[in-house]
Amino acid sequence: MRRLPCAKILPGLCVMVLLLFITEIPAEAATFDPAFYSSAYPDVSAVYGTDPQALLKHYIVYGMAEG
């Protein structure tokens, strides 16, 4: 997966900029289960905690593309 140049410098800012360009919430987000995502990906949970909104943002930006 190709990383954006800003990911090395300011990863949080990079994610926020990407989210500004998302004009539609993907259909998969309607059935997103933050508890499952957190337990299935403990590495993500270690970084983002159990905040459902943060986990959904991670899923939209990274998880959907990774499969």
C-alpha atoms as a PDB file:
ATOM      1  CA  MET A   1       0.000   0.000   0.000  1.00  0.00           C
ATOM      2  CA  ARG A   2       1.339   3.401  -0.936  1.00  0.00           C
ATOM      3  CA  ARG A   3       1.734   5.832   1.933  1.00  0.00           C
ATOM      4  CA  LEU A   4       1.079   9.530   1.655  1.00  0.00           C
ATOM      5  CA  PRO A   5       4.123  11.784   2.152  1.00  0.00           C
ATOM      6  CA  CYS A   6       2.581  13.464   5.178  1.00  0.00           C
ATOM      7  CA  ALA A   7       2.183  10.110   6.958  1.00  0.00           C
ATOM      8  CA  LYS A   8       5.798  10.182   8.124  1.00  0.00           C
ATOM      9  CA  ILE A   9       5.675  13.728   9.422  1.00  0.00           C
ATOM     10  CA  LEU A  10       2.211  14.231  10.856  1.00  0.00           C
ATOM     11  CA  PRO A  11       0.160  11.028  10.754  1.00  0.00           C
ATOM     12  CA  GLY A  12      -2.759  12.461  12.707  1.00  0.00           C
ATOM     13  CA  LEU A  13      -2.971  15.511  10.478  1.00  0.00           C
ATOM     14  CA  CYS A  14      -2.702  13.318   7.400  1.00  0.00           C
ATOM     15  CA  VAL A  15      -5.707  11.267   8.504  1.00  0.00           C
ATOM     16  CA  MET A  16      -7.724  14.394   9.243  1.00  0.00           C
ATOM     17  CA  VAL A  17      -6.956  15.804   5.796  1.00  0.00           C
ATOM     18  CA  LEU A  18      -8.018  12.539   4.171  1.00  0.00           C
ATOM     19  CA  LEU A  19     -11.261  12.522   6.139  1.00  0.00           C
ATOM     20  CA  LEU A  20     -12.060  16.015   4.886  1.00  0.00           C
ATOM     21  CA  PHE A  21     -12.113  14.622   1.356  1.00  0.00           C
ATOM     22  CA  ILE A  22     -14.464  11.756   2.145  1.00  0.00           C
ATOM     23  CA  THR A  23     -17.793  13.067   0.954  1.00  0.00           C
ATOM     24  CA  GLU A  24     -19.796   9.905   1.449  1.00  0.00           C
ATOM     25  CA  ILE A  25     -19.728   7.410   4.261  1.00  0.00           C
ATOM     26  CA  PRO A  26     -19.223   3.970   2.701  1.00  0.00           C
ATOM     27  CA  ALA A  27     -22.153   1.560   2.955  1.00  0.00           C
ATOM     28  CA  GLU A  28     -19.957  -0.794   4.996  1.00  0.00           C
ATOM     29  CA  ALA A  29     -19.813   1.828   7.748  1.00  0.00           C
ATOM     30  CA  ALA A  30     -23.512   1.275   8.476  1.00  0.00           C
ATOM     31  CA  THR A  31     -22.767  -2.252   9.677  1.00  0.00           C
ATOM     32  CA  PHE A  32     -19.419  -1.433  11.309  1.00  0.00           C
ATOM     33  CA  ASP A  33     -19.039  -3.092  14.715  1.00  0.00           C
ATOM     34  CA  PRO A  34     -16.425  -1.235  16.779  1.00  0.00           C
ATOM     35  CA  ALA A  35     -16.307  -3.946  19.466  1.00  0.00           C
ATOM     36  CA  PHE A  36     -15.544  -6.631  16.885  1.00  0.00           C
ATOM     37  CA  TYR A  37     -13.007  -4.445  15.061  1.00  0.00           C
ATOM     38  CA  SER A  38     -11.252  -3.638  18.333  1.00  0.00           C
ATOM     39  CA  SER A  39     -11.041  -7.292  19.390  1.00  0.00           C
ATOM     40  CA  ALA A  40     -10.098  -8.548  15.911  1.00  0.00           C
ATOM     41  CA  TYR A  41      -7.284  -6.006  15.549  1.00  0.00           C
ATOM     42  CA  PRO A  42      -5.621  -5.533  18.935  1.00  0.00           C
ATOM     43  CA  ASP A  43      -2.787  -3.547  17.338  1.00  0.00           C
ATOM     44  CA  VAL A  44      -5.307  -0.959  16.149  1.00  0.00           C
ATOM     45  CA  SER A  45      -7.021  -0.969  19.524  1.00  0.00           C
ATOM     46  CA  ALA A  46      -3.673  -0.389  21.245  1.00  0.00           C
ATOM     47  CA  VAL A  47      -3.257   2.832  19.271  1.00  0.00           C
ATOM     48  CA  TYR A  48      -6.851   4.080  18.996  1.00  0.00           C
ATOM     49  CA  GLY A  49      -8.356   2.612  22.154  1.00  0.00           C
ATOM     50  CA  THR A  50     -11.989   1.600  22.125  1.00  0.00           C
ATOM     51  CA  ASP A  51     -13.446   4.901  20.899  1.00  0.00           C
ATOM     52  CA  PRO A  52     -16.032   3.847  18.277  1.00  0.00           C
ATOM     53  CA  GLN A  53     -15.562   6.994  16.196  1.00  0.00           C
ATOM     54  CA  ALA A  54     -11.765   6.631  16.095  1.00  0.00           C
ATOM     55  CA  LEU A  55     -12.073   2.961  15.139  1.00  0.00           C
ATOM     56  CA  LEU A  56     -14.548   3.784  12.373  1.00  0.00           C
ATOM     57  CA  LYS A  57     -12.211   6.462  11.008  1.00  0.00           C
ATOM     58  CA  HIS A  58      -9.367   3.939  11.017  1.00  0.00           C
ATOM     59  CA  TYR A  59     -11.543   1.407   9.228  1.00  0.00           C
ATOM     60  CA  ILE A  60     -12.584   3.920   6.546  1.00  0.00           C
ATOM     61  CA  VAL A  61      -9.084   5.257   5.948  1.00  0.00           C
ATOM     62  CA  TYR A  62      -7.009   2.058   6.286  1.00  0.00           C
ATOM     63  CA  GLY A  63      -9.085  -1.050   7.022  1.00  0.00           C
ATOM     64  CA  MET A  64     -11.332  -1.037   3.962  1.00  0.00           C
ATOM     65  CA  ALA A  65      -8.354  -0.726   1.615  1.00  0.00           C
ATOM     66  CA  GLU A  66      -6.446  -3.514   3.372  1.00  0.00           C
ATOM     67  CA  GLY A  67      -9.386  -5.875   3.215  1.00  0.00           C
END
